[in-house]
C-alpha cells in the first residue's frame, strides 16, 4: 500500500499529461482537415462573388471542434487559373497539468492548391 501511495501521484500525472496531449493533437488534426477543406473550396471558387469569404466560411464550417472566435484563417491568392491559393489557419493551445500551464502557443496548418 505504501508503494502504491508513492507511485499513484506519478501515474495520475502521466495519465493527465496523455489526456491533455490527446486533446491538443485532436485540435491539430481538426485544424489540418479544416484547412484542407478550405483550400479545396478555394481551388474551385474563383468565379464566386467573394471567393476569399467562402473559403474562410468553409474552414470555419469544417472546424467543428474548434471555437470559431479563436480560429485565425488567412487566404492568399491572385485567383487566376493555374495560380496557387494558400490557405492557412492557426488555433491556440494550452497544455496544463494540475493547474500549471506546461506549454502554450498556437497550432498552425497551411495547404496550397492550384486554382481551377
C-alpha atoms as a PDB file:
ATOM      1  CA  UNK A   1       0.000   0.000   0.000  1.00  0.00           C
ATOM      2  CA  UNK A   2       2.828   2.390   0.763  1.00  0.00           C
ATOM      3  CA  UNK A   3       4.459   1.828  -2.614  1.00  0.00           C
ATOM      4  CA  UNK A   4       1.123   2.343  -4.353  1.00  0.00           C
ATOM      5  CA  UNK A   5       0.593   5.594  -2.447  1.00  0.00           C
ATOM      6  CA  UNK A   6       4.008   6.797  -3.605  1.00  0.00           C
ATOM      7  CA  UNK A   7       3.509   5.814  -7.256  1.00  0.00           C
ATOM      8  CA  UNK A   8      -0.146   6.895  -7.622  1.00  0.00           C
ATOM      9  CA  UNK A   9       0.576  10.650  -7.996  1.00  0.00           C
ATOM     10  CA  UNK A  10       3.111   9.945 -10.753  1.00  0.00           C
ATOM     11  CA  UNK A  11       0.703   7.673 -12.591  1.00  0.00           C
ATOM     12  CA  UNK A  12      -2.089  10.236 -12.268  1.00  0.00           C
ATOM     13  CA  UNK A  13       0.211  12.980 -13.573  1.00  0.00           C
ATOM     14  CA  UNK A  14       1.198  10.796 -16.515  1.00  0.00           C
ATOM     15  CA  UNK A  15      -2.458   9.996 -17.247  1.00  0.00           C
ATOM     16  CA  UNK A  16      -3.451  13.676 -17.209  1.00  0.00           C
ATOM     17  CA  UNK A  17      -0.490  14.542 -19.466  1.00  0.00           C
ATOM     18  CA  UNK A  18      -1.589  11.939 -22.011  1.00  0.00           C
ATOM     19  CA  UNK A  19      -5.150  13.274 -21.936  1.00  0.00           C
ATOM     20  CA  UNK A  20      -4.010  16.880 -22.436  1.00  0.00           C
ATOM     21  CA  UNK A  21      -1.710  15.870 -25.292  1.00  0.00           C
ATOM     22  CA  UNK A  22      -4.551  13.891 -26.878  1.00  0.00           C
ATOM     23  CA  UNK A  23      -6.880  16.899 -26.783  1.00  0.00           C
ATOM     24  CA  UNK A  24      -4.213  19.121 -28.364  1.00  0.00           C
ATOM     25  CA  UNK A  25      -3.463  16.525 -31.044  1.00  0.00           C
ATOM     26  CA  UNK A  26      -7.191  16.237 -31.811  1.00  0.00           C
ATOM     27  CA  UNK A  27      -7.343  20.006 -32.288  1.00  0.00           C
ATOM     28  CA  UNK A  28      -4.351  19.841 -34.642  1.00  0.00           C
ATOM     29  CA  UNK A  29      -5.957  17.088 -36.731  1.00  0.00           C
ATOM     30  CA  UNK A  30      -9.223  19.073 -36.899  1.00  0.00           C
ATOM     31  CA  UNK A  31      -7.345  22.237 -37.891  1.00  0.00           C
ATOM     32  CA  UNK A  32      -5.422  20.429 -40.635  1.00  0.00           C
ATOM     33  CA  UNK A  33      -8.594  18.882 -42.053  1.00  0.00           C
ATOM     34  CA  UNK A  34     -10.425  22.233 -41.963  1.00  0.00           C
ATOM     35  CA  UNK A  35      -7.589  23.955 -43.851  1.00  0.00           C
ATOM     36  CA  UNK A  36      -7.586  21.174 -46.441  1.00  0.00           C
ATOM     37  CA  UNK A  37     -11.338  21.546 -46.947  1.00  0.00           C
ATOM     38  CA  UNK A  38     -10.968  25.311 -47.242  1.00  0.00           C
ATOM     39  CA  UNK A  39      -8.173  25.002 -49.813  1.00  0.00           C
ATOM     40  CA  UNK A  40     -10.294  22.672 -51.917  1.00  0.00           C
ATOM     41  CA  UNK A  41     -13.163  25.156 -51.763  1.00  0.00           C
ATOM     42  CA  UNK A  42     -10.790  27.974 -52.744  1.00  0.00           C
ATOM     43  CA  UNK A  43      -9.463  25.998 -55.705  1.00  0.00           C
ATOM     44  CA  UNK A  44     -12.922  25.790 -57.292  1.00  0.00           C
ATOM     45  CA  UNK A  45     -14.465  29.107 -56.232  1.00  0.00           C
ATOM     46  CA  UNK A  46     -12.684  31.728 -58.344  1.00  0.00           C
ATOM     47  CA  UNK A  47     -15.946  32.573 -60.178  1.00  0.00           C
ATOM     48  CA  UNK A  48     -17.801  33.327 -56.945  1.00  0.00           C
ATOM     49  CA  UNK A  49     -18.542  36.884 -55.878  1.00  0.00           C
ATOM     50  CA  UNK A  50     -16.379  36.570 -52.721  1.00  0.00           C
ATOM     51  CA  UNK A  51     -14.033  33.574 -53.057  1.00  0.00           C
ATOM     52  CA  UNK A  52     -11.986  34.522 -50.000  1.00  0.00           C
ATOM     53  CA  UNK A  53     -15.073  34.830 -47.815  1.00  0.00           C
ATOM     54  CA  UNK A  54     -16.451  31.487 -48.978  1.00  0.00           C
ATOM     55  CA  UNK A  55     -13.076  29.862 -48.292  1.00  0.00           C
ATOM     56  CA  UNK A  56     -12.952  31.237 -44.747  1.00  0.00           C
ATOM     57  CA  UNK A  57     -16.547  30.121 -44.179  1.00  0.00           C
ATOM     58  CA  UNK A  58     -15.644  26.611 -45.370  1.00  0.00           C
ATOM     59  CA  UNK A  59     -12.680  26.416 -42.973  1.00  0.00           C
ATOM     60  CA  UNK A  60     -14.853  27.551 -40.069  1.00  0.00           C
ATOM     61  CA  UNK A  61     -17.605  25.096 -41.012  1.00  0.00           C
ATOM     62  CA  UNK A  62     -15.153  22.195 -41.217  1.00  0.00           C
ATOM     63  CA  UNK A  63     -13.553  23.028 -37.850  1.00  0.00           C
ATOM     64  CA  UNK A  64     -16.468  21.734 -35.805  1.00  0.00           C
ATOM     65  CA  UNK A  65     -14.493  21.002 -32.597  1.00  0.00           C
ATOM     66  CA  UNK A  66     -12.743  24.390 -32.527  1.00  0.00           C
ATOM     67  CA  UNK A  67     -14.073  27.713 -31.235  1.00  0.00           C
ATOM     68  CA  UNK A  68     -14.652  29.964 -34.273  1.00  0.00           C
ATOM     69  CA  UNK A  69     -13.671  33.084 -32.308  1.00  0.00           C
ATOM     70  CA  UNK A  70     -10.178  31.666 -31.652  1.00  0.00           C
ATOM     71  CA  UNK A  71      -9.627  30.397 -35.206  1.00  0.00           C
ATOM     72  CA  UNK A  72      -7.480  32.708 -37.370  1.00  0.00           C
ATOM     73  CA  UNK A  73      -7.756  31.986 -41.121  1.00  0.00           C
ATOM     74  CA  UNK A  74      -5.779  33.609 -43.947  1.00  0.00           C
ATOM     75  CA  UNK A  75      -6.200  33.159 -47.709  1.00  0.00           C
ATOM     76  CA  UNK A  76      -3.572  34.283 -50.236  1.00  0.00           C
ATOM     77  CA  UNK A  77      -4.205  34.113 -53.972  1.00  0.00           C
ATOM     78  CA  UNK A  78      -4.454  36.124 -57.163  1.00  0.00           C
ATOM     79  CA  UNK A  79      -7.461  33.926 -58.137  1.00  0.00           C
ATOM     80  CA  UNK A  80      -6.099  33.401 -61.650  1.00  0.00           C
ATOM     81  CA  UNK A  81      -6.489  29.935 -63.224  1.00  0.00           C
ATOM     82  CA  UNK A  82      -3.418  27.796 -62.684  1.00  0.00           C
ATOM     83  CA  UNK A  83      -2.057  30.011 -59.903  1.00  0.00           C
ATOM     84  CA  UNK A  84      -1.711  28.797 -56.342  1.00  0.00           C
ATOM     85  CA  UNK A  85      -4.043  29.554 -53.484  1.00  0.00           C
ATOM     86  CA  UNK A  86      -2.616  29.213 -49.978  1.00  0.00           C
ATOM     87  CA  UNK A  87      -4.991  28.708 -47.070  1.00  0.00           C
ATOM     88  CA  UNK A  88      -3.536  28.843 -43.580  1.00  0.00           C
ATOM     89  CA  UNK A  89      -5.058  28.815 -40.122  1.00  0.00           C
ATOM     90  CA  UNK A  90      -3.924  28.896 -36.537  1.00  0.00           C
ATOM     91  CA  UNK A  91      -5.565  27.978 -33.245  1.00  0.00           C
ATOM     92  CA  UNK A  92      -4.336  28.486 -29.663  1.00  0.00           C
ATOM     93  CA  UNK A  93      -3.468  25.565 -27.421  1.00  0.00           C
ATOM     94  CA  UNK A  94      -2.502  25.200 -23.799  1.00  0.00           C
ATOM     95  CA  UNK A  95      -1.274  22.060 -22.054  1.00  0.00           C
ATOM     96  CA  UNK A  96      -1.748  22.276 -18.303  1.00  0.00           C
ATOM     97  CA  UNK A  97      -1.105  19.738 -15.584  1.00  0.00           C
ATOM     98  CA  UNK A  98      -2.694  20.185 -12.183  1.00  0.00           C
ATOM     99  CA  UNK A  99      -3.482  23.803 -12.936  1.00  0.00           C
ATOM    100  CA  UNK A 100       0.036  24.705 -14.101  1.00  0.00           C
ATOM    101  CA  UNK A 101       0.495  25.624 -17.752  1.00  0.00           C
ATOM    102  CA  UNK A 102       3.321  23.472 -19.078  1.00  0.00           C
ATOM    103  CA  UNK A 103       3.218  24.638 -22.699  1.00  0.00           C
ATOM    104  CA  UNK A 104       1.097  27.038 -24.703  1.00  0.00           C
ATOM    105  CA  UNK A 105       1.205  28.510 -28.160  1.00  0.00           C
ATOM    106  CA  UNK A 106      -0.597  28.318 -31.492  1.00  0.00           C
ATOM    107  CA  UNK A 107      -1.187  25.317 -33.732  1.00  0.00           C
ATOM    108  CA  UNK A 108      -0.540  26.218 -37.387  1.00  0.00           C
ATOM    109  CA  UNK A 109      -1.562  24.485 -40.585  1.00  0.00           C
ATOM    110  CA  UNK A 110      -1.398  25.504 -44.259  1.00  0.00           C
ATOM    111  CA  UNK A 111      -2.378  23.943 -47.571  1.00  0.00           C
ATOM    112  CA  UNK A 112      -1.627  25.024 -51.126  1.00  0.00           C
ATOM    113  CA  UNK A 113      -3.898  24.147 -54.069  1.00  0.00           C
ATOM    114  CA  UNK A 114      -3.990  25.216 -57.665  1.00  0.00           C
ATOM    115  CA  UNK A 115      -6.897  27.432 -58.753  1.00  0.00           C
ATOM    116  CA  UNK A 116      -9.035  25.691 -61.346  1.00  0.00           C
END
